[in-house]
């Protein structure tokens, strides 16, 4: 019998996003559209490392993982367009 107090990583991450005021409805479409293609903030080597880290944090199972969901591209777009230069 499964322990009712154990949750999977995806449920934990969703709860953490909501806890800090995020939304599960989706990310701004403009940022998602900009996240496709070659990295704009990270070097190709840094971006490859970011993809590997994302795959470790949320791996592909019977559902897409972070890499397949476009998380590395989203982070790259945030860093290029939203993050402070400081």
C-alpha atoms as a PDB file:
ATOM      1  CA  UNK A   1       0.000   0.000   0.000  1.00  0.00           C
ATOM      2  CA  UNK A   2       1.354   3.425  -0.966  1.00  0.00           C
ATOM      3  CA  UNK A   3       2.197   5.900   1.760  1.00  0.00           C
ATOM      4  CA  UNK A   4      -0.409   8.723   1.585  1.00  0.00           C
ATOM      5  CA  UNK A   5       2.208  11.222   2.767  1.00  0.00           C
ATOM      6  CA  UNK A   6       4.605  10.608  -0.126  1.00  0.00           C
ATOM      7  CA  UNK A   7       4.239  12.743  -3.234  1.00  0.00           C
ATOM      8  CA  UNK A   8       6.083  12.666  -6.501  1.00  0.00           C
ATOM      9  CA  UNK A   9       8.529  15.345  -7.614  1.00  0.00           C
ATOM     10  CA  UNK A  10       6.091  16.949 -10.072  1.00  0.00           C
ATOM     11  CA  UNK A  11       3.456  17.412  -7.384  1.00  0.00           C
ATOM     12  CA  UNK A  12       6.088  18.894  -5.084  1.00  0.00           C
ATOM     13  CA  UNK A  13       7.277  21.341  -7.756  1.00  0.00           C
ATOM     14  CA  UNK A  14       3.698  22.400  -8.575  1.00  0.00           C
ATOM     15  CA  UNK A  15       3.050  23.079  -4.898  1.00  0.00           C
ATOM     16  CA  UNK A  16       6.283  25.074  -4.602  1.00  0.00           C
ATOM     17  CA  UNK A  17       5.329  27.219  -7.590  1.00  0.00           C
ATOM     18  CA  UNK A  18       1.948  27.968  -6.088  1.00  0.00           C
ATOM     19  CA  UNK A  19       3.521  28.694  -2.701  1.00  0.00           C
ATOM     20  CA  UNK A  20       5.636  31.519  -4.098  1.00  0.00           C
ATOM     21  CA  UNK A  21       2.741  33.052  -6.006  1.00  0.00           C
ATOM     22  CA  UNK A  22       3.174  31.324  -9.323  1.00  0.00           C
ATOM     23  CA  UNK A  23       0.518  29.937 -11.561  1.00  0.00           C
ATOM     24  CA  UNK A  24       0.022  26.556 -13.131  1.00  0.00           C
ATOM     25  CA  UNK A  25      -2.133  28.036 -15.882  1.00  0.00           C
ATOM     26  CA  UNK A  26       0.959  28.531 -18.000  1.00  0.00           C
ATOM     27  CA  UNK A  27       3.827  30.888 -18.628  1.00  0.00           C
ATOM     28  CA  UNK A  28       3.542  34.140 -20.590  1.00  0.00           C
ATOM     29  CA  UNK A  29       3.188  33.252 -24.247  1.00  0.00           C
ATOM     30  CA  UNK A  30       5.681  35.891 -25.317  1.00  0.00           C
ATOM     31  CA  UNK A  31       8.482  34.341 -23.256  1.00  0.00           C
ATOM     32  CA  UNK A  32       7.612  30.847 -24.463  1.00  0.00           C
ATOM     33  CA  UNK A  33       7.675  32.003 -28.083  1.00  0.00           C
ATOM     34  CA  UNK A  34      11.121  33.539 -27.556  1.00  0.00           C
ATOM     35  CA  UNK A  35      12.478  30.386 -25.920  1.00  0.00           C
ATOM     36  CA  UNK A  36      12.605  28.417 -29.174  1.00  0.00           C
ATOM     37  CA  UNK A  37      15.800  28.243 -31.220  1.00  0.00           C
ATOM     38  CA  UNK A  38      19.430  28.867 -30.346  1.00  0.00           C
ATOM     39  CA  UNK A  39      20.240  30.095 -26.836  1.00  0.00           C
ATOM     40  CA  UNK A  40      20.482  33.869 -26.512  1.00  0.00           C
ATOM     41  CA  UNK A  41      21.927  34.203 -22.991  1.00  0.00           C
ATOM     42  CA  UNK A  42      23.867  31.005 -22.344  1.00  0.00           C
ATOM     43  CA  UNK A  43      26.741  29.716 -24.447  1.00  0.00           C
ATOM     44  CA  UNK A  44      26.040  26.428 -26.267  1.00  0.00           C
ATOM     45  CA  UNK A  45      28.069  24.523 -23.643  1.00  0.00           C
ATOM     46  CA  UNK A  46      26.264  26.222 -20.748  1.00  0.00           C
ATOM     47  CA  UNK A  47      22.914  25.536 -22.403  1.00  0.00           C
ATOM     48  CA  UNK A  48      23.788  21.850 -22.823  1.00  0.00           C
ATOM     49  CA  UNK A  49      24.625  21.707 -19.106  1.00  0.00           C
ATOM     50  CA  UNK A  50      21.325  23.451 -18.278  1.00  0.00           C
ATOM     51  CA  UNK A  51      19.477  20.812 -20.321  1.00  0.00           C
ATOM     52  CA  UNK A  52      21.204  18.014 -18.410  1.00  0.00           C
ATOM     53  CA  UNK A  53      20.441  19.595 -15.035  1.00  0.00           C
ATOM     54  CA  UNK A  54      16.792  20.117 -16.000  1.00  0.00           C
ATOM     55  CA  UNK A  55      16.577  16.456 -17.043  1.00  0.00           C
ATOM     56  CA  UNK A  56      17.967  15.375 -13.675  1.00  0.00           C
ATOM     57  CA  UNK A  57      15.554  17.561 -11.676  1.00  0.00           C
ATOM     58  CA  UNK A  58      12.468  16.526 -13.683  1.00  0.00           C
ATOM     59  CA  UNK A  59      13.328  13.477 -15.808  1.00  0.00           C
ATOM     60  CA  UNK A  60      11.244  12.045 -18.595  1.00  0.00           C
ATOM     61  CA  UNK A  61       9.008   9.262 -17.321  1.00  0.00           C
ATOM     62  CA  UNK A  62       5.678   8.289 -18.818  1.00  0.00           C
ATOM     63  CA  UNK A  63       5.216  12.054 -19.263  1.00  0.00           C
ATOM     64  CA  UNK A  64       7.610  14.606 -20.767  1.00  0.00           C
ATOM     65  CA  UNK A  65      10.469  15.799 -18.592  1.00  0.00           C
ATOM     66  CA  UNK A  66      11.799  19.324 -18.186  1.00  0.00           C
ATOM     67  CA  UNK A  67      13.876  19.160 -21.361  1.00  0.00           C
ATOM     68  CA  UNK A  68      10.918  18.032 -23.466  1.00  0.00           C
ATOM     69  CA  UNK A  69       8.720  20.701 -21.882  1.00  0.00           C
ATOM     70  CA  UNK A  70      11.134  23.421 -22.992  1.00  0.00           C
ATOM     71  CA  UNK A  71      12.321  24.454 -19.536  1.00  0.00           C
ATOM     72  CA  UNK A  72      15.939  25.162 -20.604  1.00  0.00           C
ATOM     73  CA  UNK A  73      14.748  27.459 -23.408  1.00  0.00           C
ATOM     74  CA  UNK A  74      12.358  29.189 -21.027  1.00  0.00           C
ATOM     75  CA  UNK A  75      15.175  29.833 -18.520  1.00  0.00           C
ATOM     76  CA  UNK A  76      17.399  31.131 -21.332  1.00  0.00           C
ATOM     77  CA  UNK A  77      14.643  33.532 -22.481  1.00  0.00           C
ATOM     78  CA  UNK A  78      14.090  34.743 -18.916  1.00  0.00           C
ATOM     79  CA  UNK A  79      17.796  35.433 -18.483  1.00  0.00           C
ATOM     80  CA  UNK A  80      18.031  37.231 -21.846  1.00  0.00           C
ATOM     81  CA  UNK A  81      14.885  39.360 -21.531  1.00  0.00           C
ATOM     82  CA  UNK A  82      13.886  39.614 -17.890  1.00  0.00           C
ATOM     83  CA  UNK A  83      16.822  39.186 -15.532  1.00  0.00           C
ATOM     84  CA  UNK A  84      18.667  42.257 -14.296  1.00  0.00           C
ATOM     85  CA  UNK A  85      22.126  42.844 -15.710  1.00  0.00           C
ATOM     86  CA  UNK A  86      23.333  43.114 -12.116  1.00  0.00           C
END
